[in-house]
Amino acid sequence: MWIFKIVLLFFLLPIKLSVSADNMSFYGTIMDTVPCEINNGETISVNFGNIGINKIDGIRYKEKVSFQLKCPGGFDVPFRLIYRGKVSDFDPAAVKTSTNGLGIKLFRTCSQSENCEVKIGESMDIDMNGSEMNSQQFHVVPVKKQNIDIKDGYFQSSASFHLDYY
């Protein structure tokens, strides 16, 4: 009889039922690399034209370098633009050229009235602000080693920008 009363009492007690169901889902895309492009994948070419050997002073013959960074999808991750090239033997911020004693320096605007040289291997933080496009403005200028006679003729040089995210 006691067993019957205990069983009956058990059924008369208020019972709280718990119900659970999946009411959240998580999804995304894992990417090894962000599909960004510099200058639409095109080479950035700068033609200095004819340069007077005795007029190379690191100021004259300045040329503008501008390009777009494009990262489809508006990735909101921090980017770093890295400047790479072969260092000249006379200036650690100048890219080596095919002419002995001649280098090319890259500058960026660091304030309204001041330009800052970009050293080879230096990285610059880029904030895409969640947008797909970002304009970059630089300028380049030829520089020469002091106390050296530069031979006239054609010269060339190359450097690159590498876009990295972290």
N, C-alpha and C. Protein backbone atom coordinates (compact mmCIF):
# COMPACT_ATOMS: atom_id res chain seq x y z
N MET A 1 0.81 -1.17 0.00
CA MET A 1 0.00 0.00 0.00
C MET A 1 0.87 1.26 0.00
N TRP A 2 1.95 1.24 0.78
CA TRP A 2 2.85 2.39 0.80
C TRP A 2 3.45 2.62 -0.59
N ILE A 3 3.74 1.60 -1.27
CA ILE A 3 4.31 1.75 -2.60
C ILE A 3 3.31 2.44 -3.52
N PHE A 4 2.02 2.04 -3.41
CA PHE A 4 0.98 2.65 -4.23
C PHE A 4 0.85 4.14 -3.91
N LYS A 5 0.91 4.53 -2.63
CA LYS A 5 0.81 5.93 -2.24
C LYS A 5 2.02 6.73 -2.74
N ILE A 6 3.18 6.16 -2.68
CA ILE A 6 4.39 6.85 -3.15
C ILE A 6 4.32 7.04 -4.66
N VAL A 7 3.87 6.01 -5.37
CA VAL A 7 3.75 6.11 -6.82
C VAL A 7 2.68 7.13 -7.17
N LEU A 8 1.54 7.12 -6.47
CA LEU A 8 0.46 8.07 -6.72
C LEU A 8 0.94 9.49 -6.40
N LEU A 9 1.66 9.66 -5.31
CA LEU A 9 2.19 10.96 -4.94
C LEU A 9 3.17 11.48 -6.00
N PHE A 10 3.94 10.61 -6.54
CA PHE A 10 4.89 10.97 -7.58
C PHE A 10 4.17 11.54 -8.81
N PHE A 11 3.05 10.93 -9.18
CA PHE A 11 2.31 11.40 -10.34
C PHE A 11 1.54 12.69 -10.07
N LEU A 12 1.25 12.98 -8.82
CA LEU A 12 0.51 14.19 -8.48
C LEU A 12 1.41 15.41 -8.32
N LEU A 13 2.70 15.22 -8.12
CA LEU A 13 3.63 16.34 -7.99
C LEU A 13 3.76 17.08 -9.32
N PRO A 14 3.87 18.42 -9.23
CA PRO A 14 4.06 19.15 -10.49
C PRO A 14 5.40 18.75 -11.13
N ILE A 15 5.34 18.51 -12.36
CA ILE A 15 6.53 18.07 -13.08
C ILE A 15 6.93 19.17 -14.07
N LYS A 16 8.18 19.51 -14.01
CA LYS A 16 8.71 20.51 -14.94
C LYS A 16 9.38 19.76 -16.08
N LEU A 17 8.86 19.98 -17.23
CA LEU A 17 9.45 19.33 -18.39
C LEU A 17 10.44 20.28 -19.06
N SER A 18 11.46 19.75 -19.54
CA SER A 18 12.48 20.54 -20.22
C SER A 18 12.47 20.14 -21.69
N VAL A 19 12.39 21.15 -22.54
CA VAL A 19 12.39 20.90 -23.97
C VAL A 19 13.59 21.62 -24.55
N SER A 20 14.32 20.95 -25.38
CA SER A 20 15.45 21.60 -26.03
C SER A 20 15.40 21.32 -27.51
N ALA A 21 15.73 22.33 -28.25
CA ALA A 21 15.81 22.20 -29.70
C ALA A 21 16.92 23.12 -30.19
N ASP A 22 17.47 22.81 -31.33
CA ASP A 22 18.50 23.68 -31.91
C ASP A 22 17.84 24.96 -32.40
N ASN A 23 18.17 26.07 -31.75
CA ASN A 23 17.61 27.34 -32.19
C ASN A 23 18.71 28.33 -32.58
N MET A 24 19.92 27.82 -32.78
CA MET A 24 21.03 28.64 -33.26
C MET A 24 21.76 27.86 -34.34
N SER A 25 22.30 28.58 -35.30
CA SER A 25 23.16 27.94 -36.29
C SER A 25 24.37 28.84 -36.51
N PHE A 26 25.46 28.24 -36.86
CA PHE A 26 26.71 28.95 -37.08
C PHE A 26 27.24 28.56 -38.45
N TYR A 27 27.73 29.56 -39.18
CA TYR A 27 28.26 29.26 -40.50
C TYR A 27 29.28 30.31 -40.89
N GLY A 28 30.03 30.04 -41.92
CA GLY A 28 31.04 30.96 -42.41
C GLY A 28 31.87 30.29 -43.48
N THR A 29 32.87 30.99 -43.96
CA THR A 29 33.77 30.44 -44.96
C THR A 29 35.19 30.61 -44.44
N ILE A 30 35.91 29.53 -44.40
CA ILE A 30 37.31 29.58 -43.98
C ILE A 30 38.15 29.75 -45.24
N MET A 31 39.00 30.77 -45.23
CA MET A 31 39.83 31.04 -46.40
C MET A 31 41.29 31.05 -46.00
N ASP A 32 42.10 30.42 -46.82
CA ASP A 32 43.54 30.41 -46.57
C ASP A 32 44.15 31.77 -46.89
N THR A 33 43.67 32.41 -47.94
CA THR A 33 44.15 33.74 -48.32
C THR A 33 42.96 34.62 -48.67
N VAL A 34 43.12 35.90 -48.44
CA VAL A 34 42.11 36.87 -48.84
C VAL A 34 42.42 37.24 -50.29
N PRO A 35 41.43 37.15 -51.18
CA PRO A 35 41.70 37.36 -52.61
C PRO A 35 41.86 38.84 -52.99
N CYS A 36 42.93 39.44 -52.54
CA CYS A 36 43.15 40.87 -52.80
C CYS A 36 44.05 41.06 -54.02
N GLU A 37 43.93 42.24 -54.63
CA GLU A 37 44.78 42.60 -55.76
C GLU A 37 45.37 43.98 -55.53
N ILE A 38 46.58 44.15 -56.01
CA ILE A 38 47.23 45.46 -56.03
C ILE A 38 47.24 45.93 -57.47
N ASN A 39 46.68 47.12 -57.71
CA ASN A 39 46.66 47.72 -59.05
C ASN A 39 46.02 46.79 -60.09
N ASN A 40 44.94 46.12 -59.71
CA ASN A 40 44.23 45.18 -60.60
C ASN A 40 45.16 44.12 -61.19
N GLY A 41 46.23 43.80 -60.48
CA GLY A 41 47.16 42.77 -60.94
C GLY A 41 48.13 43.27 -62.01
N GLU A 42 48.06 44.54 -62.35
CA GLU A 42 48.92 45.12 -63.39
C GLU A 42 50.21 45.66 -62.78
N THR A 43 51.28 45.65 -63.56
CA THR A 43 52.56 46.22 -63.13
C THR A 43 52.44 47.74 -63.03
N ILE A 44 52.99 48.29 -61.98
CA ILE A 44 53.05 49.74 -61.82
C ILE A 44 54.35 50.19 -62.48
N SER A 45 54.24 50.98 -63.51
CA SER A 45 55.41 51.38 -64.28
C SER A 45 55.64 52.89 -64.13
N VAL A 46 56.88 53.26 -63.85
CA VAL A 46 57.24 54.67 -63.71
C VAL A 46 58.33 54.99 -64.73
N ASN A 47 58.08 55.99 -65.57
CA ASN A 47 59.07 56.42 -66.55
C ASN A 47 59.59 57.79 -66.12
N PHE A 48 60.84 57.86 -65.74
CA PHE A 48 61.44 59.13 -65.33
C PHE A 48 61.81 60.00 -66.53
N GLY A 49 61.81 59.42 -67.71
CA GLY A 49 62.21 60.19 -68.89
C GLY A 49 63.70 60.45 -68.87
N ASN A 50 64.11 61.57 -69.44
CA ASN A 50 65.53 61.95 -69.48
C ASN A 50 65.90 62.66 -68.18
N ILE A 51 66.94 62.15 -67.54
CA ILE A 51 67.39 62.70 -66.26
C ILE A 51 68.79 63.27 -66.44
N GLY A 52 69.00 64.49 -65.99
CA GLY A 52 70.34 65.09 -66.03
C GLY A 52 71.19 64.54 -64.90
N ILE A 53 72.30 63.92 -65.24
CA ILE A 53 73.16 63.27 -64.24
C ILE A 53 73.52 64.22 -63.10
N ASN A 54 73.88 65.45 -63.42
CA ASN A 54 74.31 66.41 -62.39
C ASN A 54 73.14 67.08 -61.67
N LYS A 55 71.93 66.75 -62.04
CA LYS A 55 70.76 67.35 -61.40
C LYS A 55 70.04 66.37 -60.46
N ILE A 56 70.57 65.17 -60.33
CA ILE A 56 69.96 64.19 -59.43
C ILE A 56 70.28 64.61 -58.00
N ASP A 57 69.25 64.99 -57.26
CA ASP A 57 69.46 65.49 -55.90
C ASP A 57 68.47 64.90 -54.89
N GLY A 58 67.70 63.92 -55.30
CA GLY A 58 66.72 63.32 -54.39
C GLY A 58 65.44 64.11 -54.27
N ILE A 59 65.34 65.21 -55.03
CA ILE A 59 64.14 66.05 -55.03
C ILE A 59 63.58 66.17 -56.45
N ARG A 60 64.47 66.50 -57.39
CA ARG A 60 64.05 66.62 -58.79
C ARG A 60 63.65 65.26 -59.35
N TYR A 61 62.86 65.29 -60.37
CA TYR A 61 62.41 64.10 -61.11
C TYR A 61 61.46 63.23 -60.30
N LYS A 62 60.82 63.83 -59.33
CA LYS A 62 59.86 63.10 -58.50
C LYS A 62 58.67 62.68 -59.37
N GLU A 63 58.26 61.43 -59.22
CA GLU A 63 57.11 60.90 -59.96
C GLU A 63 56.11 60.30 -58.99
N LYS A 64 54.85 60.52 -59.29
CA LYS A 64 53.76 60.00 -58.45
C LYS A 64 53.52 58.52 -58.74
N VAL A 65 53.26 57.77 -57.69
CA VAL A 65 52.89 56.36 -57.81
C VAL A 65 51.59 56.19 -57.04
N SER A 66 50.53 55.87 -57.75
CA SER A 66 49.25 55.65 -57.07
C SER A 66 48.62 54.38 -57.62
N PHE A 67 47.91 53.69 -56.75
CA PHE A 67 47.26 52.44 -57.15
C PHE A 67 46.14 52.13 -56.17
N GLN A 68 45.33 51.17 -56.55
CA GLN A 68 44.20 50.73 -55.73
C GLN A 68 44.51 49.36 -55.14
N LEU A 69 44.11 49.19 -53.90
CA LEU A 69 44.07 47.86 -53.29
C LEU A 69 42.63 47.41 -53.38
N LYS A 70 42.41 46.21 -53.86
CA LYS A 70 41.05 45.70 -54.01
C LYS A 70 40.95 44.35 -53.30
N CYS A 71 40.05 44.28 -52.33
CA CYS A 71 39.83 43.05 -51.57
C CYS A 71 38.33 42.74 -51.61
N PRO A 72 37.87 41.94 -52.58
CA PRO A 72 36.44 41.65 -52.71
C PRO A 72 35.87 41.08 -51.41
N GLY A 73 34.68 41.47 -51.11
CA GLY A 73 34.01 40.96 -49.92
C GLY A 73 34.13 41.86 -48.72
N GLY A 74 34.91 42.91 -48.83
CA GLY A 74 35.04 43.86 -47.74
C GLY A 74 35.53 43.24 -46.45
N PHE A 75 36.62 42.49 -46.52
CA PHE A 75 37.17 41.85 -45.34
C PHE A 75 37.59 42.90 -44.32
N ASP A 76 37.15 42.74 -43.12
CA ASP A 76 37.47 43.69 -42.07
C ASP A 76 38.57 43.11 -41.19
N VAL A 77 39.73 42.91 -41.81
CA VAL A 77 40.90 42.40 -41.09
C VAL A 77 42.03 43.40 -41.30
N PRO A 78 42.98 43.46 -40.38
CA PRO A 78 44.10 44.38 -40.57
C PRO A 78 45.04 43.90 -41.67
N PHE A 79 45.43 44.82 -42.53
CA PHE A 79 46.35 44.51 -43.62
C PHE A 79 47.66 45.24 -43.39
N ARG A 80 48.68 44.72 -44.02
CA ARG A 80 50.01 45.32 -43.96
C ARG A 80 50.56 45.32 -45.39
N LEU A 81 51.00 46.47 -45.86
CA LEU A 81 51.61 46.60 -47.18
C LEU A 81 53.12 46.63 -46.97
N ILE A 82 53.82 45.70 -47.59
CA ILE A 82 55.27 45.55 -47.40
C ILE A 82 55.99 45.93 -48.70
N TYR A 83 57.00 46.78 -48.57
CA TYR A 83 57.79 47.23 -49.71
C TYR A 83 59.04 46.36 -49.81
N ARG A 84 59.25 45.75 -50.98
CA ARG A 84 60.38 44.83 -51.15
C ARG A 84 61.19 45.21 -52.39
N GLY A 85 62.49 44.98 -52.30
CA GLY A 85 63.38 45.24 -53.42
C GLY A 85 64.82 45.00 -53.01
N LYS A 86 65.73 45.11 -53.98
CA LYS A 86 67.16 44.97 -53.69
C LYS A 86 67.69 46.32 -53.22
N VAL A 87 68.36 46.32 -52.09
CA VAL A 87 68.88 47.55 -51.49
C VAL A 87 70.13 48.00 -52.24
N SER A 88 70.21 49.31 -52.51
CA SER A 88 71.42 49.86 -53.14
C SER A 88 72.59 49.75 -52.16
N ASP A 89 73.80 49.87 -52.69
CA ASP A 89 74.98 49.75 -51.82
C ASP A 89 75.33 51.05 -51.10
N PHE A 90 74.56 52.12 -51.32
CA PHE A 90 74.90 53.40 -50.70
C PHE A 90 73.78 54.01 -49.86
N ASP A 91 72.56 53.47 -49.96
CA ASP A 91 71.44 54.02 -49.19
C ASP A 91 70.47 52.89 -48.87
N PRO A 92 70.29 52.57 -47.59
CA PRO A 92 69.42 51.45 -47.22
C PRO A 92 67.94 51.66 -47.57
N ALA A 93 67.57 52.88 -47.96
CA ALA A 93 66.19 53.15 -48.34
C ALA A 93 66.03 53.25 -49.86
N ALA A 94 67.10 53.07 -50.61
CA ALA A 94 67.04 53.18 -52.07
C ALA A 94 67.13 51.80 -52.72
N VAL A 95 66.29 51.61 -53.72
CA VAL A 95 66.32 50.37 -54.49
C VAL A 95 67.47 50.46 -55.49
N LYS A 96 68.19 49.38 -55.62
CA LYS A 96 69.32 49.30 -56.55
C LYS A 96 68.80 49.37 -57.99
N THR A 97 69.57 50.04 -58.84
CA THR A 97 69.24 50.10 -60.27
C THR A 97 70.34 49.40 -61.06
N SER A 98 70.14 49.34 -62.37
CA SER A 98 71.14 48.72 -63.24
C SER A 98 72.35 49.63 -63.46
N THR A 99 72.27 50.87 -63.02
CA THR A 99 73.38 51.83 -63.15
C THR A 99 74.07 51.99 -61.80
N ASN A 100 75.38 51.75 -61.78
CA ASN A 100 76.15 51.86 -60.55
C ASN A 100 76.04 53.27 -59.98
N GLY A 101 75.71 53.37 -58.68
CA GLY A 101 75.64 54.66 -58.01
C GLY A 101 74.29 55.35 -58.11
N LEU A 102 73.32 54.73 -58.76
CA LEU A 102 71.98 55.30 -58.91
C LEU A 102 70.96 54.41 -58.20
N GLY A 103 70.08 55.03 -57.43
CA GLY A 103 69.03 54.29 -56.73
C GLY A 103 67.70 55.02 -56.85
N ILE A 104 66.64 54.36 -56.43
CA ILE A 104 65.30 54.93 -56.45
C ILE A 104 64.73 54.85 -55.04
N LYS A 105 64.27 56.00 -54.53
CA LYS A 105 63.67 56.04 -53.20
C LYS A 105 62.16 56.19 -53.32
N LEU A 106 61.45 55.56 -52.39
CA LEU A 106 60.00 55.63 -52.31
C LEU A 106 59.62 56.46 -51.09
N PHE A 107 58.64 57.34 -51.26
CA PHE A 107 58.14 58.18 -50.17
C PHE A 107 56.62 58.05 -50.09
N ARG A 108 56.11 58.22 -48.89
CA ARG A 108 54.66 58.30 -48.68
C ARG A 108 54.38 59.57 -47.89
N THR A 109 53.16 60.04 -47.97
CA THR A 109 52.77 61.22 -47.20
C THR A 109 52.46 60.78 -45.78
N CYS A 110 53.18 61.33 -44.83
CA CYS A 110 52.95 60.96 -43.43
C CYS A 110 52.27 62.08 -42.65
N SER A 111 52.19 63.27 -43.21
CA SER A 111 51.41 64.37 -42.65
C SER A 111 51.09 65.31 -43.81
N GLN A 112 50.35 66.35 -43.55
CA GLN A 112 49.94 67.25 -44.63
C GLN A 112 51.11 67.91 -45.34
N SER A 113 52.18 68.14 -44.63
CA SER A 113 53.30 68.86 -45.24
C SER A 113 54.59 68.06 -45.27
N GLU A 114 54.55 66.82 -44.85
CA GLU A 114 55.79 66.05 -44.74
C GLU A 114 55.68 64.71 -45.46
N ASN A 115 56.76 64.35 -46.12
CA ASN A 115 56.85 63.04 -46.76
C ASN A 115 57.86 62.20 -46.00
N CYS A 116 57.58 60.93 -45.86
CA CYS A 116 58.47 60.01 -45.14
C CYS A 116 58.97 58.95 -46.11
N GLU A 117 60.27 58.71 -46.06
CA GLU A 117 60.80 57.67 -46.92
C GLU A 117 60.34 56.32 -46.41
N VAL A 118 60.15 55.42 -47.36
CA VAL A 118 59.76 54.05 -47.04
C VAL A 118 60.99 53.19 -47.27
N LYS A 119 61.47 52.58 -46.22
CA LYS A 119 62.66 51.74 -46.34
C LYS A 119 62.27 50.39 -46.92
N ILE A 120 63.20 49.79 -47.61
CA ILE A 120 62.97 48.47 -48.19
C ILE A 120 62.78 47.47 -47.05
N GLY A 121 61.72 46.70 -47.15
CA GLY A 121 61.36 45.74 -46.11
C GLY A 121 60.40 46.31 -45.09
N GLU A 122 60.15 47.62 -45.15
CA GLU A 122 59.24 48.27 -44.20
C GLU A 122 57.80 47.89 -44.52
N SER A 123 57.02 47.76 -43.46
CA SER A 123 55.59 47.49 -43.66
C SER A 123 54.78 48.67 -43.16
N MET A 124 53.64 48.87 -43.80
CA MET A 124 52.73 49.96 -43.46
C MET A 124 51.36 49.36 -43.19
N ASP A 125 50.75 49.71 -42.08
CA ASP A 125 49.41 49.22 -41.77
C ASP A 125 48.40 49.89 -42.68
N ILE A 126 47.49 49.09 -43.20
CA ILE A 126 46.44 49.57 -44.10
C ILE A 126 45.10 49.23 -43.47
N ASP A 127 44.24 50.22 -43.35
CA ASP A 127 42.90 50.00 -42.82
C ASP A 127 41.92 50.08 -43.97
N MET A 128 41.35 48.94 -44.34
CA MET A 128 40.39 48.91 -45.44
C MET A 128 39.02 49.40 -44.99
N ASN A 129 38.81 49.54 -43.69
CA ASN A 129 37.53 50.00 -43.13
C ASN A 129 36.35 49.20 -43.65
N GLY A 130 36.56 47.92 -43.91
CA GLY A 130 35.48 47.06 -44.38
C GLY A 130 35.09 47.29 -45.82
N SER A 131 35.78 48.19 -46.53
CA SER A 131 35.43 48.44 -47.93
C SER A 131 36.28 47.57 -48.85
N GLU A 132 35.87 47.49 -50.10
CA GLU A 132 36.58 46.65 -51.06
C GLU A 132 37.76 47.36 -51.72
N MET A 133 37.74 48.69 -51.76
CA MET A 133 38.78 49.45 -52.45
C MET A 133 39.49 50.40 -51.48
N ASN A 134 40.78 50.60 -51.74
CA ASN A 134 41.56 51.52 -50.93
C ASN A 134 42.63 52.14 -51.82
N SER A 135 42.70 53.46 -51.87
CA SER A 135 43.69 54.16 -52.71
C SER A 135 44.98 54.35 -51.93
N GLN A 136 46.09 54.15 -52.63
CA GLN A 136 47.41 54.35 -52.05
C GLN A 136 48.16 55.38 -52.89
N GLN A 137 48.83 56.31 -52.22
CA GLN A 137 49.57 57.37 -52.89
C GLN A 137 51.02 57.39 -52.39
N PHE A 138 51.94 57.31 -53.30
CA PHE A 138 53.37 57.38 -53.00
C PHE A 138 54.03 58.24 -54.07
N HIS A 139 55.30 58.50 -53.90
CA HIS A 139 56.09 59.04 -55.00
C HIS A 139 57.50 58.47 -54.91
N VAL A 140 58.15 58.44 -56.06
CA VAL A 140 59.51 57.91 -56.16
C VAL A 140 60.41 59.00 -56.73
N VAL A 141 61.67 58.91 -56.38
CA VAL A 141 62.63 59.90 -56.85
C VAL A 141 64.01 59.23 -57.00
N PRO A 142 64.75 59.57 -58.06
CA PRO A 142 66.10 59.01 -58.20
C PRO A 142 67.07 59.69 -57.23
N VAL A 143 67.99 58.90 -56.71
CA VAL A 143 69.05 59.40 -55.83
C VAL A 143 70.38 58.83 -56.32
N LYS A 144 71.47 59.52 -56.01
CA LYS A 144 72.77 59.00 -56.45
C LYS A 144 73.77 58.99 -55.30
N LYS A 145 74.72 58.12 -55.45
CA LYS A 145 75.81 57.99 -54.48
C LYS A 145 76.72 59.21 -54.63
N GLN A 146 77.14 59.75 -53.50
CA GLN A 146 78.03 60.92 -53.54
C GLN A 146 79.42 60.52 -54.04
N ASN A 147 80.05 61.47 -54.69
CA ASN A 147 81.43 61.31 -55.17
C ASN A 147 81.60 60.14 -56.13
N ILE A 148 80.64 59.96 -57.00
CA ILE A 148 80.75 58.91 -58.02
C ILE A 148 80.27 59.49 -59.34
N ASP A 149 80.94 59.10 -60.41
CA ASP A 149 80.52 59.52 -61.75
C ASP A 149 79.55 58.47 -62.30
N ILE A 150 78.34 58.92 -62.54
CA ILE A 150 77.34 58.02 -63.11
C ILE A 150 77.45 58.08 -64.62
N LYS A 151 77.46 56.93 -65.24
CA LYS A 151 77.55 56.86 -66.70
C LYS A 151 76.17 57.09 -67.30
N ASP A 152 76.16 57.82 -68.42
CA ASP A 152 74.87 58.05 -69.06
C ASP A 152 74.41 56.78 -69.77
N GLY A 153 73.11 56.70 -69.95
CA GLY A 153 72.51 55.54 -70.61
C GLY A 153 71.23 55.11 -69.91
N TYR A 154 70.65 54.08 -70.46
CA TYR A 154 69.39 53.54 -69.96
C TYR A 154 69.60 52.87 -68.59
N PHE A 155 68.63 53.00 -67.70
CA PHE A 155 68.68 52.29 -66.42
C PHE A 155 67.31 51.68 -66.14
N GLN A 156 67.33 50.69 -65.30
CA GLN A 156 66.07 50.09 -64.87
C GLN A 156 66.22 49.56 -63.45
N SER A 157 65.10 49.35 -62.84
CA SER A 157 65.07 48.85 -61.47
C SER A 157 63.70 48.24 -61.23
N SER A 158 63.59 47.46 -60.19
CA SER A 158 62.27 46.92 -59.84
C SER A 158 62.16 46.76 -58.33
N ALA A 159 60.95 46.83 -57.88
CA ALA A 159 60.61 46.62 -56.47
C ALA A 159 59.19 46.07 -56.47
N SER A 160 58.69 45.71 -55.32
CA SER A 160 57.32 45.19 -55.27
C SER A 160 56.66 45.55 -53.96
N PHE A 161 55.35 45.55 -54.01
CA PHE A 161 54.53 45.67 -52.81
C PHE A 161 53.91 44.31 -52.56
N HIS A 162 53.86 43.93 -51.31
CA HIS A 162 53.25 42.67 -50.91
C HIS A 162 52.18 43.00 -49.88
N LEU A 163 50.97 42.53 -50.11
CA LEU A 163 49.87 42.79 -49.19
C LEU A 163 49.67 41.57 -48.31
N ASP A 164 49.77 41.77 -47.03
CA ASP A 164 49.67 40.68 -46.06
C ASP A 164 48.57 41.02 -45.07
N TYR A 165 47.92 40.02 -44.54
CA TYR A 165 46.94 40.28 -43.49
C TYR A 165 47.29 39.46 -42.27
N TYR A 166 46.88 39.94 -41.12
CA TYR A 166 47.23 39.28 -39.87
C TYR A 166 46.11 39.35 -38.89
